[in-house]
Structures are given as C-alpha cells and as structure tokens.
Amino acid sequence: MRSLIAIAAVGVALAGCKTTEDKAVDAGGNDVRYTCDATRVQGLIGQVASQALGTEAVRGSNSRTMRWISPGMAVTMDYRTDRLNIHLDGQNRVTRIDCG
C-alpha cells in the first residue's frame, strides 16, 4: 500500500513539471517570436470579416492571437504584443487593424 502511495505522489509531483522550449521572452513575459506588426496587413481594411481573413491577418502580422472588435463592444485595455485587433463596422467590414 505504501508503494502505491509513493508512486501516486511521484506521479503528482511530475505532473507539475514541464519541458522548456527555447523561446525568447521580453521583460513583460511575452514570447518575442510572436510580435504583432499590423503594418503588414493594412491591405485587409475594407474587406468583409471572415475566418479566412482572420487567419490571413494573424499569419501576415506575425501575431499569436487575434480579436474582432465590433462597434460598441467592450474590450480589455491590457496591451499584448502578440495580439492583433481587427475593428469592424456595422456591416462587418474591417475599418482598422492594430496591435495590442
């Protein structure tokens, strides 16, 4: 019985361990492999929002995440270097693209 408890304790302890990747992290803890550059996707302004457009925007801007922002929508004000913001109008067209 003690050996089962010991094995379970080791398993729980190891579950908290993870391997580390070689990644560069800035002072804010952001993975610098994904630093948003919205200037690279400004050509998408005026297009209708779609999953394909979102995918193209994330890849083209070197972002890790993206959020659609509709008129009047509440959004957090935290700044994330890896996030792309795509602002939409009432007709679901892209009006602005920025990072944060």
C-alpha atoms as a PDB file:
ATOM      1  CA  MET A   1       0.000   0.000   0.000  1.00  0.00           C
ATOM      2  CA  ARG A   2       2.836   2.394   0.847  1.00  0.00           C
ATOM      3  CA  SER A   3       4.428   1.780  -2.535  1.00  0.00           C
ATOM      4  CA  LEU A   4       1.176   2.739  -4.282  1.00  0.00           C
ATOM      5  CA  ILE A   5       1.002   5.972  -2.306  1.00  0.00           C
ATOM      6  CA  ALA A   6       4.643   6.698  -3.108  1.00  0.00           C
ATOM      7  CA  ILE A   7       4.065   6.058  -6.810  1.00  0.00           C
ATOM      8  CA  ALA A   8       0.995   8.287  -6.789  1.00  0.00           C
ATOM      9  CA  ALA A   9       2.941  11.051  -5.015  1.00  0.00           C
ATOM     10  CA  VAL A  10       5.729  10.878  -7.609  1.00  0.00           C
ATOM     11  CA  GLY A  11       3.153  10.997 -10.397  1.00  0.00           C
ATOM     12  CA  VAL A  12       1.525  14.094  -8.919  1.00  0.00           C
ATOM     13  CA  ALA A  13       4.907  15.769  -8.459  1.00  0.00           C
ATOM     14  CA  LEU A  14       5.937  15.042 -12.033  1.00  0.00           C
ATOM     15  CA  ALA A  15       2.621  16.267 -13.417  1.00  0.00           C
ATOM     16  CA  GLY A  16       3.620  19.783 -12.405  1.00  0.00           C
ATOM     17  CA  CYS A  17       6.841  19.565 -14.389  1.00  0.00           C
ATOM     18  CA  LYS A  18       7.051  20.628 -17.980  1.00  0.00           C
ATOM     19  CA  THR A  19       9.741  20.789 -20.546  1.00  0.00           C
ATOM     20  CA  THR A  20      11.042  24.191 -21.513  1.00  0.00           C
ATOM     21  CA  GLU A  21      11.258  25.373 -25.070  1.00  0.00           C
ATOM     22  CA  ASP A  22      13.946  27.620 -26.419  1.00  0.00           C
ATOM     23  CA  LYS A  23      11.988  30.841 -26.614  1.00  0.00           C
ATOM     24  CA  ALA A  24      12.934  34.433 -26.118  1.00  0.00           C
ATOM     25  CA  VAL A  25      10.850  36.279 -23.563  1.00  0.00           C
ATOM     26  CA  ASP A  26      10.837  40.047 -23.108  1.00  0.00           C
ATOM     27  CA  ALA A  27      10.690  41.899 -19.780  1.00  0.00           C
ATOM     28  CA  GLY A  28       6.888  41.627 -19.748  1.00  0.00           C
ATOM     29  CA  GLY A  29       6.973  37.851 -20.178  1.00  0.00           C
ATOM     30  CA  ASN A  30       5.827  37.973 -23.822  1.00  0.00           C
ATOM     31  CA  ASP A  31       7.144  35.404 -26.281  1.00  0.00           C
ATOM     32  CA  VAL A  32       9.005  37.593 -28.791  1.00  0.00           C
ATOM     33  CA  ARG A  33       8.611  35.004 -31.544  1.00  0.00           C
ATOM     34  CA  TYR A  34       5.110  36.453 -31.908  1.00  0.00           C
ATOM     35  CA  THR A  35       5.351  40.218 -32.080  1.00  0.00           C
ATOM     36  CA  CYS A  36       2.401  41.768 -33.874  1.00  0.00           C
ATOM     37  CA  ASP A  37       3.161  44.035 -36.847  1.00  0.00           C
ATOM     38  CA  ALA A  38      -0.154  45.447 -38.082  1.00  0.00           C
ATOM     39  CA  THR A  39       1.508  47.471 -40.852  1.00  0.00           C
ATOM     40  CA  ARG A  40       1.924  44.244 -42.821  1.00  0.00           C
ATOM     41  CA  VAL A  41      -1.848  43.603 -43.064  1.00  0.00           C
ATOM     42  CA  GLN A  42      -3.316  47.058 -43.658  1.00  0.00           C
ATOM     43  CA  GLY A  43      -4.374  45.921 -47.135  1.00  0.00           C
ATOM     44  CA  LEU A  44      -7.199  43.943 -45.492  1.00  0.00           C
ATOM     45  CA  ILE A  45      -9.024  47.128 -44.464  1.00  0.00           C
ATOM     46  CA  GLY A  46     -12.363  47.407 -46.251  1.00  0.00           C
ATOM     47  CA  GLN A  47     -12.849  43.669 -46.652  1.00  0.00           C
ATOM     48  CA  VAL A  48     -15.696  41.719 -45.043  1.00  0.00           C
ATOM     49  CA  ALA A  49     -14.701  39.791 -41.914  1.00  0.00           C
ATOM     50  CA  SER A  50     -14.345  36.041 -42.364  1.00  0.00           C
ATOM     51  CA  GLN A  51     -12.411  33.169 -40.860  1.00  0.00           C
ATOM     52  CA  ALA A  52     -10.080  33.189 -43.871  1.00  0.00           C
ATOM     53  CA  LEU A  53      -9.403  36.907 -43.445  1.00  0.00           C
ATOM     54  CA  GLY A  54      -8.669  36.421 -39.752  1.00  0.00           C
ATOM     55  CA  THR A  55      -6.262  33.585 -40.490  1.00  0.00           C
ATOM     56  CA  GLU A  56      -4.503  35.649 -43.152  1.00  0.00           C
ATOM     57  CA  ALA A  57      -4.257  38.626 -40.791  1.00  0.00           C
ATOM     58  CA  VAL A  58      -2.774  36.589 -37.932  1.00  0.00           C
ATOM     59  CA  ARG A  59      -0.200  34.936 -40.173  1.00  0.00           C
ATOM     60  CA  GLY A  60       0.645  38.127 -42.040  1.00  0.00           C
ATOM     61  CA  SER A  61       1.107  40.178 -38.873  1.00  0.00           C
ATOM     62  CA  ASN A  62       3.133  37.518 -37.017  1.00  0.00           C
ATOM     63  CA  SER A  63       0.598  37.534 -34.180  1.00  0.00           C
ATOM     64  CA  ARG A  64      -0.291  34.659 -31.912  1.00  0.00           C
ATOM     65  CA  THR A  65      -3.855  35.770 -31.180  1.00  0.00           C
ATOM     66  CA  MET A  66      -6.484  37.995 -32.739  1.00  0.00           C
ATOM     67  CA  ARG A  67      -9.748  39.566 -31.679  1.00  0.00           C
ATOM     68  CA  TRP A  68     -12.610  41.015 -33.670  1.00  0.00           C
ATOM     69  CA  ILE A  69     -13.865  44.306 -32.247  1.00  0.00           C
ATOM     70  CA  SER A  70     -17.388  45.339 -33.243  1.00  0.00           C
ATOM     71  CA  PRO A  71     -18.872  48.828 -32.729  1.00  0.00           C
ATOM     72  CA  GLY A  72     -19.728  49.400 -29.056  1.00  0.00           C
ATOM     73  CA  MET A  73     -18.072  46.177 -27.951  1.00  0.00           C
ATOM     74  CA  ALA A  74     -16.360  46.224 -24.557  1.00  0.00           C
ATOM     75  CA  VAL A  75     -12.729  45.095 -24.724  1.00  0.00           C
ATOM     76  CA  THR A  76      -9.979  44.793 -22.169  1.00  0.00           C
ATOM     77  CA  MET A  77      -7.371  47.533 -22.168  1.00  0.00           C
ATOM     78  CA  ASP A  78      -4.403  45.274 -21.456  1.00  0.00           C
ATOM     79  CA  TYR A  79      -1.715  45.544 -24.100  1.00  0.00           C
ATOM     80  CA  ARG A  80      -0.385  42.303 -25.545  1.00  0.00           C
ATOM     81  CA  THR A  81       2.469  42.391 -28.024  1.00  0.00           C
ATOM     82  CA  ASP A  82       1.263  39.146 -29.642  1.00  0.00           C
ATOM     83  CA  ARG A  83      -2.374  40.180 -30.253  1.00  0.00           C
ATOM     84  CA  LEU A  84      -3.894  41.634 -33.399  1.00  0.00           C
ATOM     85  CA  ASN A  85      -7.087  43.719 -33.129  1.00  0.00           C
ATOM     86  CA  ILE A  86      -9.398  43.868 -36.126  1.00  0.00           C
ATOM     87  CA  HIS A  87     -12.027  46.604 -35.816  1.00  0.00           C
ATOM     88  CA  LEU A  88     -15.305  46.172 -37.717  1.00  0.00           C
ATOM     89  CA  ASP A  89     -18.148  48.472 -38.726  1.00  0.00           C
ATOM     90  CA  GLY A  90     -21.882  47.695 -38.598  1.00  0.00           C
ATOM     91  CA  GLN A  91     -21.680  45.880 -41.951  1.00  0.00           C
ATOM     92  CA  ASN A  92     -18.914  43.568 -40.688  1.00  0.00           C
ATOM     93  CA  ARG A  93     -16.221  45.303 -42.763  1.00  0.00           C
ATOM     94  CA  VAL A  94     -12.719  45.874 -41.439  1.00  0.00           C
ATOM     95  CA  THR A  95     -12.227  49.549 -40.572  1.00  0.00           C
ATOM     96  CA  ARG A  96      -8.946  49.432 -38.660  1.00  0.00           C
ATOM     97  CA  ILE A  97      -6.222  46.944 -37.778  1.00  0.00           C
ATOM     98  CA  ASP A  98      -3.825  47.462 -34.890  1.00  0.00           C
ATOM     99  CA  CYS A  99      -1.873  45.566 -32.289  1.00  0.00           C
ATOM    100  CA  GLY A 100      -2.490  45.217 -28.601  1.00  0.00           C
END
